[in-house]
C-alpha atoms as a PDB file:
ATOM      1  CA  MET A   1       9.243 -96.661 -81.031  1.00  0.00           C
ATOM      2  CA  ARG A   2       8.299-100.041 -82.475  1.00  0.00           C
ATOM      3  CA  ASP A   3       6.249-102.554 -80.455  1.00  0.00           C
ATOM      4  CA  ASP A   4       9.168-105.002 -80.161  1.00  0.00           C
ATOM      5  CA  ASP A   5      11.339-102.138 -78.889  1.00  0.00           C
ATOM      6  CA  ARG A   6       8.857-101.564 -76.068  1.00  0.00           C
ATOM      7  CA  ARG A   7       8.945-105.232 -75.142  1.00  0.00           C
ATOM      8  CA  ASN A   8      12.746-105.386 -75.180  1.00  0.00           C
ATOM      9  CA  PRO A   9      14.250-102.319 -73.512  1.00  0.00           C
ATOM     10  CA  MET A  10      17.714-103.274 -74.798  1.00  0.00           C
ATOM     11  CA  ARG A  11      16.640-103.052 -78.456  1.00  0.00           C
ATOM     12  CA  GLY A  12      17.024 -99.748 -80.180  1.00  0.00           C
ATOM     13  CA  ALA A  13      19.029 -98.133 -77.399  1.00  0.00           C
ATOM     14  CA  GLY A  14      22.113 -96.284 -78.480  1.00  0.00           C
ATOM     15  CA  ARG A  15      23.825 -95.798 -75.133  1.00  0.00           C
ATOM     16  CA  ARG A  16      23.473 -97.183 -71.630  1.00  0.00           C
ATOM     17  CA  VAL A  17      24.810 -95.977 -68.331  1.00  0.00           C
ATOM     18  CA  TYR A  18      26.194 -98.504 -65.823  1.00  0.00           C
ATOM     19  CA  PRO A  19      27.316 -97.868 -62.246  1.00  0.00           C
ATOM     20  CA  GLY A  20      31.063 -97.595 -62.179  1.00  0.00           C
ATOM     21  CA  ALA A  21      33.886 -96.854 -59.746  1.00  0.00           C
ATOM     22  CA  ALA A  22      34.351 -93.720 -57.700  1.00  0.00           C
ATOM     23  CA  GLY A  23      34.798 -91.679 -60.877  1.00  0.00           C
ATOM     24  CA  GLY A  24      31.086 -91.882 -61.683  1.00  0.00           C
ATOM     25  CA  PRO A  25      28.964 -93.868 -64.121  1.00  0.00           C
ATOM     26  CA  ARG A  26      30.407 -95.600 -67.133  1.00  0.00           C
ATOM     27  CA  VAL A  27      28.869 -95.422 -70.559  1.00  0.00           C
ATOM     28  CA  GLY A  28      28.788 -98.274 -73.053  1.00  0.00           C
ATOM     29  CA  ARG A  29      27.397 -98.645 -76.546  1.00  0.00           C
ATOM     30  CA  VAL A  30      24.718-101.258 -77.239  1.00  0.00           C
ATOM     31  CA  ALA A  31      25.031-103.556 -80.221  1.00  0.00           C
ATOM     32  CA  ARG A  32      21.826-104.780 -81.844  1.00  0.00           C
ATOM     33  CA  ASP A  33      23.009-107.968 -83.505  1.00  0.00           C
ATOM     34  CA  VAL A  34      24.386-110.048 -80.628  1.00  0.00           C
ATOM     35  CA  PRO A  35      22.739-111.990 -77.770  1.00  0.00           C
ATOM     36  CA  ARG A  36      21.780-110.017 -74.696  1.00  0.00           C
ATOM     37  CA  ALA A  37      24.582-111.394 -72.523  1.00  0.00           C
ATOM     38  CA  GLU A  38      27.065-109.828 -74.944  1.00  0.00           C
ATOM     39  CA  ARG A  39      25.368-106.590 -75.981  1.00  0.00           C
ATOM     40  CA  VAL A  40      27.547-104.032 -74.242  1.00  0.00           C
ATOM     41  CA  THR A  41      30.833-103.214 -75.926  1.00  0.00           C
ATOM     42  CA  GLU A  42      33.496-101.168 -74.307  1.00  0.00           C
ATOM     43  CA  GLY A  43      33.077 -97.412 -74.330  1.00  0.00           C
ATOM     44  CA  ALA A  44      35.910 -94.953 -74.096  1.00  0.00           C
ATOM     45  CA  GLU A  45      35.208 -94.448 -70.409  1.00  0.00           C
ATOM     46  CA  GLY A  46      34.619 -98.112 -69.644  1.00  0.00           C
ATOM     47  CA  ARG A  47      38.147 -99.449 -69.795  1.00  0.00           C
ATOM     48  CA  ASP A  48      39.011 -99.045 -66.131  1.00  0.00           C
ATOM     49  CA  MET A  49      35.965-100.769 -64.750  1.00  0.00           C
ATOM     50  CA  GLU A  50      36.630-103.562 -62.277  1.00  0.00           C
ATOM     51  CA  PRO A  51      35.528-106.960 -63.700  1.00  0.00           C
ATOM     52  CA  ARG A  52      33.305-109.134 -61.604  1.00  0.00           C
ATOM     53  CA  GLU A  53      31.291-112.027 -62.987  1.00  0.00           C
ATOM     54  CA  VAL A  54      32.560-113.185 -66.374  1.00  0.00           C
ATOM     55  CA  TYR A  55      30.380-114.145 -69.314  1.00  0.00           C
ATOM     56  CA  ARG A  56      31.704-115.719 -72.494  1.00  0.00           C
ATOM     57  CA  GLY A  57      31.793-113.357 -75.451  1.00  0.00           C
ATOM     58  CA  ASN A  58      30.340-113.839 -78.922  1.00  0.00           C
ATOM     59  CA  ALA A  59      32.606-115.814 -81.231  1.00  0.00           C
ATOM     60  CA  ARG A  60      32.541-113.046 -83.823  1.00  0.00           C
ATOM     61  CA  ARG A  61      33.774-110.525 -81.305  1.00  0.00           C
ATOM     62  CA  GLY A  62      36.310-112.813 -79.624  1.00  0.00           C
ATOM     63  CA  GLY A  63      35.921-111.203 -76.229  1.00  0.00           C
ATOM     64  CA  GLU A  64      34.231-111.395 -72.833  1.00  0.00           C
ATOM     65  CA  LEU A  65      31.627-109.236 -71.178  1.00  0.00           C
ATOM     66  CA  HIS A  66      32.224-108.519 -67.528  1.00  0.00           C
ATOM     67  CA  ARG A  67      29.420-107.464 -65.210  1.00  0.00           C
ATOM     68  CA  GLY A  68      29.422-103.693 -65.047  1.00  0.00           C
ATOM     69  CA  GLY A  69      29.432-103.174 -68.795  1.00  0.00           C
ATOM     70  CA  ALA A  70      33.135-103.361 -69.590  1.00  0.00           C
ATOM     71  CA  TRP A  71      34.200-105.361 -72.606  1.00  0.00           C
ATOM     72  CA  ARG A  72      37.493-107.201 -72.242  1.00  0.00           C
ATOM     73  CA  SER A  73      39.241-108.099 -75.455  1.00  0.00           C
ATOM     74  CA  GLU A  74      40.655-111.601 -76.006  1.00  0.00           C
ATOM     75  CA  SER A  75      43.727-110.196 -77.721  1.00  0.00           C
ATOM     76  CA  GLY A  76      46.941-109.099 -76.048  1.00  0.00           C
ATOM     77  CA  PRO A  77      49.474-110.719 -73.694  1.00  0.00           C
ATOM     78  CA  LYS A  78      47.101-110.888 -70.714  1.00  0.00           C
ATOM     79  CA  ALA A  79      44.522-112.781 -72.749  1.00  0.00           C
ATOM     80  CA  ARG A  80      47.209-115.188 -73.995  1.00  0.00           C
ATOM     81  CA  ASP A  81      48.385-115.780 -70.426  1.00  0.00           C
ATOM     82  CA  ARG A  82      44.818-116.502 -69.350  1.00  0.00           C
ATOM     83  CA  ARG A  83      44.269-118.935 -72.225  1.00  0.00           C
ATOM     84  CA  ASP A  84      47.539-120.684 -71.399  1.00  0.00           C
ATOM     85  CA  ALA A  85      46.457-120.981 -67.757  1.00  0.00           C
ATOM     86  CA  GLU A  86      43.110-122.474 -68.802  1.00  0.00           C
ATOM     87  CA  ALA A  87      44.870-124.973 -71.057  1.00  0.00           C
ATOM     88  CA  ALA A  88      47.229-125.900 -68.243  1.00  0.00           C
ATOM     89  CA  ALA A  89      44.309-126.450 -65.876  1.00  0.00           C
ATOM     90  CA  GLU A  90      42.655-128.783 -68.386  1.00  0.00           C
ATOM     91  CA  LEU A  91      45.858-130.812 -68.616  1.00  0.00           C
ATOM     92  CA  ASP A  92      46.268-130.900 -64.823  1.00  0.00           C
ATOM     93  CA  LEU A  93      49.780-129.518 -65.105  1.00  0.00           C
ATOM     94  CA  PRO A  94      52.140-129.370 -62.163  1.00  0.00           C
ATOM     95  CA  ASP A  95      53.432-126.095 -60.837  1.00  0.00           C
ATOM     96  CA  GLU A  96      56.889-124.891 -61.830  1.00  0.00           C
ATOM     97  CA  GLU A  97      58.579-126.995 -59.149  1.00  0.00           C
ATOM     98  CA  ARG A  98      56.959-130.155 -60.511  1.00  0.00           C
ATOM     99  CA  LEU A  99      57.436-129.566 -64.220  1.00  0.00           C
ATOM    100  CA  LEU A 100      60.772-130.494 -65.760  1.00  0.00           C
ATOM    101  CA  ALA A 101      61.507-129.210 -69.258  1.00  0.00           C
ATOM    102  CA  GLY A 102      64.472-130.219 -71.374  1.00  0.00           C
ATOM    103  CA  ARG A 103      66.460-133.409 -71.694  1.00  0.00           C
ATOM    104  CA  ASN A 104      69.279-132.772 -69.231  1.00  0.00           C
ATOM    105  CA  PRO A 105      67.058-131.807 -66.242  1.00  0.00           C
ATOM    106  CA  ILE A 106      64.815-134.820 -66.864  1.00  0.00           C
ATOM    107  CA  ARG A 107      67.716-137.227 -67.248  1.00  0.00           C
ATOM    108  CA  GLU A 108      69.402-136.003 -64.060  1.00  0.00           C
ATOM    109  CA  ALA A 109      66.119-136.208 -62.117  1.00  0.00           C
ATOM    110  CA  LEU A 110      65.667-139.821 -63.186  1.00  0.00           C
ATOM    111  CA  LYS A 111      69.249-140.686 -62.323  1.00  0.00           C
ATOM    112  CA  VAL A 112      68.970-139.334 -58.771  1.00  0.00           C
ATOM    113  CA  GLY A 113      65.623-141.054 -58.205  1.00  0.00           C
ATOM    114  CA  ARG A 114      63.159-138.155 -58.204  1.00  0.00           C
ATOM    115  CA  PRO A 115      59.598-139.577 -58.487  1.00  0.00           C
ATOM    116  CA  VAL A 116      58.635-138.848 -62.090  1.00  0.00           C
ATOM    117  CA  GLU A 117      54.916-139.347 -62.625  1.00  0.00           C
ATOM    118  CA  LYS A 118      54.720-139.043 -66.407  1.00  0.00           C
ATOM    119  CA  LEU A 119      57.042-138.317 -69.322  1.00  0.00           C
ATOM    120  CA  LEU A 120      55.620-136.554 -72.377  1.00  0.00           C
ATOM    121  CA  VAL A 121      57.645-137.109 -75.536  1.00  0.00           C
ATOM    122  CA  ALA A 122      57.093-135.261 -78.820  1.00  0.00           C
ATOM    123  CA  SER A 123      56.146-137.591 -81.658  1.00  0.00           C
ATOM    124  CA  GLY A 124      58.879-138.311 -84.195  1.00  0.00           C
ATOM    125  CA  ASP A 125      62.235-140.049 -84.332  1.00  0.00           C
ATOM    126  CA  LEU A 126      64.069-140.229 -81.000  1.00  0.00           C
ATOM    127  CA  SER A 127      67.764-139.492 -80.792  1.00  0.00           C
ATOM    128  CA  GLY A 128      70.152-141.474 -78.623  1.00  0.00           C
ATOM    129  CA  THR A 129      69.726-139.119 -75.662  1.00  0.00           C
ATOM    130  CA  ALA A 130      65.947-139.217 -75.906  1.00  0.00           C
ATOM    131  CA  ARG A 131      65.914-143.018 -76.082  1.00  0.00           C
ATOM    132  CA  GLU A 132      68.064-143.162 -72.959  1.00  0.00           C
ATOM    133  CA  ILE A 133      65.655-140.892 -71.075  1.00  0.00           C
ATOM    134  CA  VAL A 134      62.664-142.966 -72.156  1.00  0.00           C
ATOM    135  CA  ARG A 135      64.431-146.110 -70.962  1.00  0.00           C
ATOM    136  CA  LEU A 136      65.248-144.536 -67.579  1.00  0.00           C
ATOM    137  CA  ALA A 137      61.659-143.349 -67.194  1.00  0.00           C
ATOM    138  CA  LYS A 138      60.214-146.775 -67.889  1.00  0.00           C
ATOM    139  CA  GLU A 139      62.652-148.398 -65.478  1.00  0.00           C
ATOM    140  CA  ALA A 140      61.538-145.891 -62.825  1.00  0.00           C
ATOM    141  CA  GLY A 141      57.890-146.837 -63.384  1.00  0.00           C
ATOM    142  CA  ALA A 142      56.886-143.542 -65.007  1.00  0.00           C
ATOM    143  CA  VAL A 143      54.185-143.459 -67.656  1.00  0.00           C
ATOM    144  CA  VAL A 144      55.706-142.530 -71.031  1.00  0.00           C
ATOM    145  CA  GLN A 145      53.271-140.855 -73.411  1.00  0.00           C
ATOM    146  CA  THR A 146      53.912-139.732 -77.011  1.00  0.00           C
ATOM    147  CA  VAL A 147      52.087-136.503 -77.839  1.00  0.00           C
ATOM    148  CA  ASP A 148      52.008-133.958 -80.628  1.00  0.00           C
ATOM    149  CA  ARG A 149      54.717-131.306 -80.386  1.00  0.00           C
ATOM    150  CA  SER A 150      52.100-128.548 -80.346  1.00  0.00           C
ATOM    151  CA  ARG A 151      50.835-129.838 -77.005  1.00  0.00           C
ATOM    152  CA  LEU A 152      54.310-129.484 -75.527  1.00  0.00           C
ATOM    153  CA  ASP A 153      54.515-125.982 -77.009  1.00  0.00           C
ATOM    154  CA  GLN A 154      51.281-125.141 -75.235  1.00  0.00           C
ATOM    155  CA  ILE A 155      52.670-126.225 -71.878  1.00  0.00           C
ATOM    156  CA  CYS A 156      56.242-124.949 -72.085  1.00  0.00           C
ATOM    157  CA  PRO A 157      57.912-123.637 -75.259  1.00  0.00           C
ATOM    158  CA  ALA A 158      61.458-124.578 -74.158  1.00  0.00           C
ATOM    159  CA  HIS A 159      60.755-128.302 -73.929  1.00  0.00           C
ATOM    160  CA  GLN A 160      63.390-129.777 -76.275  1.00  0.00           C
ATOM    161  CA  GLY A 161      60.868-132.436 -77.195  1.00  0.00           C
ATOM    162  CA  MET A 162      60.301-133.655 -73.611  1.00  0.00           C
ATOM    163  CA  LEU A 163      58.418-132.641 -70.492  1.00  0.00           C
ATOM    164  CA  ALA A 164      58.225-134.560 -67.226  1.00  0.00           C
ATOM    165  CA  TYR A 165      55.732-134.400 -64.391  1.00  0.00           C
ATOM    166  CA  VAL A 166      57.321-134.900 -60.993  1.00  0.00           C
ATOM    167  CA  ALA A 167      55.003-136.568 -58.458  1.00  0.00           C
ATOM    168  CA  ALA A 168      53.700-134.457 -55.592  1.00  0.00           C
ATOM    169  CA  ALA A 169      55.137-137.002 -53.125  1.00  0.00           C
ATOM    170  CA  PRO A 170      57.560-139.928 -53.389  1.00  0.00           C
ATOM    171  CA  TYR A 171      56.144-143.415 -53.778  1.00  0.00           C
ATOM    172  CA  VAL A 172      57.068-146.245 -51.441  1.00  0.00           C
ATOM    173  CA  GLU A 173      57.193-150.023 -51.757  1.00  0.00           C
ATOM    174  CA  LEU A 174      54.289-152.179 -50.637  1.00  0.00           C
ATOM    175  CA  SER A 175      56.571-153.838 -48.098  1.00  0.00           C
ATOM    176  CA  ASP A 176      57.265-150.408 -46.555  1.00  0.00           C
ATOM    177  CA  ILE A 177      53.583-149.987 -45.725  1.00  0.00           C
ATOM    178  CA  LEU A 178      53.401-153.413 -44.097  1.00  0.00           C
ATOM    179  CA  ALA A 179      56.580-152.690 -42.135  1.00  0.00           C
ATOM    180  CA  ALA A 180      55.103-149.398 -40.878  1.00  0.00           C
ATOM    181  CA  ALA A 181      51.996-151.217 -39.625  1.00  0.00           C
ATOM    182  CA  ALA A 182      54.146-153.822 -37.865  1.00  0.00           C
ATOM    183  CA  ALA A 183      56.246-151.077 -36.244  1.00  0.00           C
ATOM    184  CA  LYS A 184      53.067-149.652 -34.719  1.00  0.00           C
ATOM    185  CA  GLY A 185      51.952-153.075 -33.525  1.00  0.00           C
ATOM    186  CA  GLU A 186      48.756-152.807 -35.572  1.00  0.00           C
ATOM    187  CA  ALA A 187      47.053-155.146 -38.018  1.00  0.00           C
ATOM    188  CA  PRO A 188      47.632-153.837 -41.566  1.00  0.00           C
ATOM    189  CA  PHE A 189      44.917-151.618 -43.039  1.00  0.00           C
ATOM    190  CA  LEU A 190      45.432-150.720 -46.699  1.00  0.00           C
ATOM    191  CA  VAL A 191      43.327-149.247 -49.489  1.00  0.00           C
ATOM    192  CA  LEU A 192      43.923-150.560 -53.021  1.00  0.00           C
ATOM    193  CA  LEU A 193      42.594-148.565 -55.979  1.00  0.00           C
ATOM    194  CA  ASP A 194      41.694-150.153 -59.311  1.00  0.00           C
ATOM    195  CA  GLY A 195      40.845-147.850 -62.208  1.00  0.00           C
ATOM    196  CA  ILE A 196      40.563-144.600 -60.236  1.00  0.00           C
ATOM    197  CA  THR A 197      41.562-142.159 -62.969  1.00  0.00           C
ATOM    198  CA  ASP A 198      40.143-138.944 -61.520  1.00  0.00           C
ATOM    199  CA  PRO A 199      42.860-137.166 -59.488  1.00  0.00           C
ATOM    200  CA  HIS A 200      40.226-135.465 -57.338  1.00  0.00           C
ATOM    201  CA  ASN A 201      38.776-138.844 -56.352  1.00  0.00           C
ATOM    202  CA  LEU A 202      42.281-140.125 -55.665  1.00  0.00           C
ATOM    203  CA  GLY A 203      43.085-137.162 -53.438  1.00  0.00           C
ATOM    204  CA  ALA A 204      39.792-137.445 -51.570  1.00  0.00           C
ATOM    205  CA  ILE A 205      40.352-141.170 -50.928  1.00  0.00           C
ATOM    206  CA  ILE A 206      43.887-140.515 -49.676  1.00  0.00           C
ATOM    207  CA  ARG A 207      42.583-137.821 -47.343  1.00  0.00           C
ATOM    208  CA  THR A 208      39.906-140.109 -45.897  1.00  0.00           C
ATOM    209  CA  ALA A 209      42.322-143.036 -45.619  1.00  0.00           C
ATOM    210  CA  GLU A 210      44.722-140.941 -43.565  1.00  0.00           C
ATOM    211  CA  CYS A 211      41.897-139.748 -41.304  1.00  0.00           C
ATOM    212  CA  ALA A 212      40.647-143.324 -40.866  1.00  0.00           C
ATOM    213  CA  GLY A 213      44.054-144.559 -39.739  1.00  0.00           C
ATOM    214  CA  ALA A 214      44.950-146.584 -42.826  1.00  0.00           C
ATOM    215  CA  HIS A 215      48.606-147.473 -43.133  1.00  0.00           C
ATOM    216  CA  GLY A 216      48.833-146.756 -46.849  1.00  0.00           C
ATOM    217  CA  VAL A 217      47.192-146.563 -50.272  1.00  0.00           C
ATOM    218  CA  VAL A 218      48.224-148.702 -53.251  1.00  0.00           C
ATOM    219  CA  VAL A 219      47.764-147.559 -56.864  1.00  0.00           C
ATOM    220  CA  PRO A 220      48.743-149.299 -60.110  1.00  0.00           C
ATOM    221  CA  GLU A 221      51.041-147.708 -62.673  1.00  0.00           C
ATOM    222  CA  ARG A 222      48.486-147.943 -65.485  1.00  0.00           C
ATOM    223  CA  ARG A 223      44.816-146.982 -65.721  1.00  0.00           C
ATOM    224  CA  ALA A 224      45.138-144.839 -62.634  1.00  0.00           C
ATOM    225  CA  ALA A 225      45.530-141.238 -61.565  1.00  0.00           C
ATOM    226  CA  GLY A 226      48.909-140.304 -60.167  1.00  0.00           C
ATOM    227  CA  LEU A 227      50.050-137.891 -57.509  1.00  0.00           C
ATOM    228  CA  THR A 228      49.412-134.800 -59.606  1.00  0.00           C
ATOM    229  CA  PRO A 229      48.866-131.306 -58.185  1.00  0.00           C
ATOM    230  CA  ALA A 230      45.098-131.809 -58.414  1.00  0.00           C
ATOM    231  CA  ALA A 231      45.341-135.011 -56.364  1.00  0.00           C
ATOM    232  CA  ALA A 232      47.645-133.338 -53.843  1.00  0.00           C
ATOM    233  CA  LYS A 233      45.228-130.436 -53.444  1.00  0.00           C
ATOM    234  CA  ALA A 234      42.271-132.772 -52.902  1.00  0.00           C
ATOM    235  CA  ALA A 235      44.313-134.739 -50.355  1.00  0.00           C
ATOM    236  CA  ALA A 236      44.591-131.551 -48.273  1.00  0.00           C
ATOM    237  CA  GLY A 237      47.972-132.370 -46.751  1.00  0.00           C
ATOM    238  CA  ALA A 238      47.399-136.099 -46.224  1.00  0.00           C
ATOM    239  CA  LEU A 239      50.258-136.932 -48.597  1.00  0.00           C
ATOM    240  CA  ASP A 240      52.648-135.662 -45.937  1.00  0.00           C
ATOM    241  CA  HIS A 241      51.472-138.376 -43.529  1.00  0.00           C
ATOM    242  CA  LEU A 242      50.228-141.344 -45.565  1.00  0.00           C
ATOM    243  CA  PRO A 243      52.559-143.482 -47.732  1.00  0.00           C
ATOM    244  CA  ILE A 244      51.457-144.275 -51.284  1.00  0.00           C
ATOM    245  CA  ALA A 245      52.768-147.361 -53.077  1.00  0.00           C
ATOM    246  CA  ARG A 246      52.695-147.665 -56.852  1.00  0.00           C
ATOM    247  CA  VAL A 247      52.778-151.229 -58.196  1.00  0.00           C
ATOM    248  CA  LYS A 248      53.193-152.636 -61.681  1.00  0.00           C
ATOM    249  CA  ASN A 249      50.482-155.256 -61.211  1.00  0.00           C
ATOM    250  CA  LEU A 250      47.648-154.913 -58.711  1.00  0.00           C
ATOM    251  CA  ASN A 251      46.807-158.629 -58.785  1.00  0.00           C
ATOM    252  CA  ARG A 252      50.335-159.554 -57.770  1.00  0.00           C
ATOM    253  CA  ALA A 253      50.149-157.004 -54.960  1.00  0.00           C
ATOM    254  CA  ILE A 254      46.965-158.717 -53.764  1.00  0.00           C
ATOM    255  CA  GLU A 255      48.707-162.092 -53.818  1.00  0.00           C
ATOM    256  CA  GLU A 256      51.588-160.644 -51.808  1.00  0.00           C
ATOM    257  CA  LEU A 257      49.201-159.236 -49.216  1.00  0.00           C
ATOM    258  CA  GLN A 258      47.339-162.517 -48.936  1.00  0.00           C
ATOM    259  CA  GLY A 259      50.648-164.287 -48.439  1.00  0.00           C
ATOM    260  CA  ARG A 260      51.292-161.934 -45.507  1.00  0.00           C
ATOM    261  CA  GLY A 261      47.959-162.822 -43.884  1.00  0.00           C
ATOM    262  CA  VAL A 262      45.958-159.803 -45.072  1.00  0.00           C
ATOM    263  CA  TRP A 263      42.303-160.367 -46.000  1.00  0.00           C
ATOM    264  CA  VAL A 264      41.455-158.629 -49.290  1.00  0.00           C
ATOM    265  CA  VAL A 265      37.934-157.184 -49.478  1.00  0.00           C
ATOM    266  CA  GLY A 266      36.544-156.139 -52.848  1.00  0.00           C
ATOM    267  CA  THR A 267      33.495-154.027 -53.597  1.00  0.00           C
ATOM    268  CA  ALA A 268      30.706-154.797 -56.051  1.00  0.00           C
ATOM    269  CA  MET A 269      26.970-154.214 -56.356  1.00  0.00           C
ATOM    270  CA  ASP A 270      26.173-157.903 -55.785  1.00  0.00           C
ATOM    271  CA  GLY A 271      28.401-158.327 -52.726  1.00  0.00           C
ATOM    272  CA  GLU A 272      27.276-159.097 -49.192  1.00  0.00           C
ATOM    273  CA  ASP A 273      26.030-156.309 -46.954  1.00  0.00           C
ATOM    274  CA  ALA A 274      29.097-154.385 -45.791  1.00  0.00           C
ATOM    275  CA  PHE A 275      27.389-153.470 -42.503  1.00  0.00           C
ATOM    276  CA  SER A 276      27.037-157.110 -41.464  1.00  0.00           C
ATOM    277  CA  ALA A 277      30.344-158.423 -42.853  1.00  0.00           C
ATOM    278  CA  ASP A 278      33.321-159.068 -40.593  1.00  0.00           C
ATOM    279  CA  LEU A 279      35.873-156.415 -41.561  1.00  0.00           C
ATOM    280  CA  SER A 280      38.113-156.722 -38.518  1.00  0.00           C
ATOM    281  CA  GLY A 281      41.737-157.833 -38.502  1.00  0.00           C
ATOM    282  CA  PRO A 282      44.325-157.247 -41.220  1.00  0.00           C
ATOM    283  CA  VAL A 283      42.412-155.983 -44.228  1.00  0.00           C
ATOM    284  CA  ALA A 284      43.009-154.461 -47.656  1.00  0.00           C
ATOM    285  CA  LEU A 285      39.991-152.699 -49.152  1.00  0.00           C
ATOM    286  CA  VAL A 286      39.834-152.648 -52.973  1.00  0.00           C
ATOM    287  CA  ILE A 287      37.931-149.752 -54.559  1.00  0.00           C
ATOM    288  CA  GLY A 288      37.064-149.783 -58.263  1.00  0.00           C
ATOM    289  CA  SER A 289      36.030-147.045 -60.648  1.00  0.00           C
ATOM    290  CA  GLU A 290      32.486-145.721 -60.710  1.00  0.00           C
ATOM    291  CA  GLY A 291      31.837-146.807 -64.286  1.00  0.00           C
ATOM    292  CA  GLU A 292      33.483-150.221 -64.541  1.00  0.00           C
ATOM    293  CA  GLY A 293      34.080-151.197 -60.937  1.00  0.00           C
ATOM    294  CA  ILE A 294      36.876-153.604 -60.072  1.00  0.00           C
ATOM    295  CA  ALA A 295      38.366-155.583 -62.962  1.00  0.00           C
ATOM    296  CA  ARG A 296      37.016-159.129 -63.179  1.00  0.00           C
ATOM    297  CA  LEU A 297      40.323-160.905 -62.510  1.00  0.00           C
ATOM    298  CA  THR A 298      41.061-158.612 -59.587  1.00  0.00           C
ATOM    299  CA  LEU A 299      37.604-159.172 -58.122  1.00  0.00           C
ATOM    300  CA  GLU A 300      38.066-162.940 -58.385  1.00  0.00           C
ATOM    301  CA  LYS A 301      41.232-162.693 -56.294  1.00  0.00           C
ATOM    302  CA  CYS A 302      39.445-160.950 -53.412  1.00  0.00           C
ATOM    303  CA  ASP A 303      38.704-163.035 -50.312  1.00  0.00           C
ATOM    304  CA  ARG A 304      35.252-161.518 -49.953  1.00  0.00           C
ATOM    305  CA  VAL A 305      33.127-158.946 -51.762  1.00  0.00           C
ATOM    306  CA  VAL A 306      30.921-156.416 -49.997  1.00  0.00           C
ATOM    307  CA  ALA A 307      28.379-153.841 -51.090  1.00  0.00           C
ATOM    308  CA  LEU A 308      26.709-150.802 -49.588  1.00  0.00           C
ATOM    309  CA  PRO A 309      22.905-150.954 -49.428  1.00  0.00           C
ATOM    310  CA  MET A 310      21.340-148.625 -51.995  1.00  0.00           C
ATOM    311  CA  LYS A 311      17.980-147.392 -50.755  1.00  0.00           C
ATOM    312  CA  GLY A 312      17.314-144.765 -53.418  1.00  0.00           C
ATOM    313  CA  LYS A 313      16.958-144.881 -57.180  1.00  0.00           C
ATOM    314  CA  THR A 314      20.496-143.743 -57.988  1.00  0.00           C
ATOM    315  CA  GLU A 315      22.541-146.719 -59.113  1.00  0.00           C
ATOM    316  CA  SER A 316      25.888-145.955 -57.509  1.00  0.00           C
ATOM    317  CA  LEU A 317      27.879-143.699 -55.224  1.00  0.00           C
ATOM    318  CA  ASN A 318      30.877-141.587 -56.075  1.00  0.00           C
ATOM    319  CA  ALA A 319      34.001-143.735 -55.670  1.00  0.00           C
ATOM    320  CA  SER A 320      35.528-141.539 -52.977  1.00  0.00           C
ATOM    321  CA  VAL A 321      32.246-141.400 -51.032  1.00  0.00           C
ATOM    322  CA  ALA A 322      31.814-145.189 -51.127  1.00  0.00           C
ATOM    323  CA  ALA A 323      35.441-145.633 -50.113  1.00  0.00           C
ATOM    324  CA  GLY A 324      34.958-143.278 -47.168  1.00  0.00           C
ATOM    325  CA  ILE A 325      31.901-145.140 -45.874  1.00  0.00           C
ATOM    326  CA  LEU A 326      33.620-148.509 -46.139  1.00  0.00           C
ATOM    327  CA  MET A 327      36.830-147.281 -44.543  1.00  0.00           C
ATOM    328  CA  TYR A 328      34.971-146.075 -41.495  1.00  0.00           C
ATOM    329  CA  GLU A 329      33.035-149.323 -41.339  1.00  0.00           C
ATOM    330  CA  ILE A 330      36.461-150.996 -41.103  1.00  0.00           C
ATOM    331  CA  VAL A 331      37.393-148.522 -38.359  1.00  0.00           C
ATOM    332  CA  ARG A 332      34.239-149.485 -36.442  1.00  0.00           C
ATOM    333  CA  ALA A 333      34.928-153.214 -36.888  1.00  0.00           C
ATOM    334  CA  ARG A 334      38.524-152.865 -35.698  1.00  0.00           C
ATOM    335  CA  ALA A 335      37.427-150.929 -32.612  1.00  0.00           C
ATOM    336  CA  ARG A 336      35.097-153.670 -31.354  1.00  0.00           C
END
């Protein structure tokens, strides 16, 4: 045996035995020319082994090595289903109940007022029917996005050039949130989101807002995450109890709130200390994105700007974490 074979017990071995199921050990063959995490290829007796932890396979082999020594091929219908599921997860696709494929189902959903979050349209010339659907979607406030046809094929082959995402919950009007607060005899407490594009952050903020007793959350149509399945999952059921308003222009929504006597509080690094600011009474808290914060014009419209003290060396907090701290500071101020 060569010296390097002694140092590396995997090198030079022809066969290896791995613990298997009740039927006894499983035998796999060892390949010399691939990285260690991918050395074991499937033996004749290794096909029925139960996969556990998954490691990515070598590109030349196009497969995956599962702990226990069984090699799973990337080919076949199961592998295609898995790849399709991974692609769907990357696109944050809705489940079957929230995905509409084909022109007639989408058109009828828009006509009856189902909350369509986004309309994906295959690039190319639009026929009369397609133009009508696009018009209805825009009138309903849905985001219309032109994409390559191959992307639609990846999501659902029978798309007829169009796919629609139905929102996980219906949107309400801003006035509905204010009316709900008045019906409870409480000063309005709203959370306005500017530039929150991560659906997980959106869902987490909605969950905290519901727990903190907010009367509603306001999101803009553009530059914002919608009520996708990922957001609904992160909200953990809060969408069933907290109304969400979607507005065309966040600055106009702020002006409407100010006209109704609501104090609008923005957040920025150079704002006053949130722990000493007066956050009682009717209040709308504006939360910006982690990278860019609140847009300049929106920040200028706020009645006051607050900040959380940063004692460490990290520059900023996650948007949903900062929102949670500030919401409960509002809860404390309102309870005094």
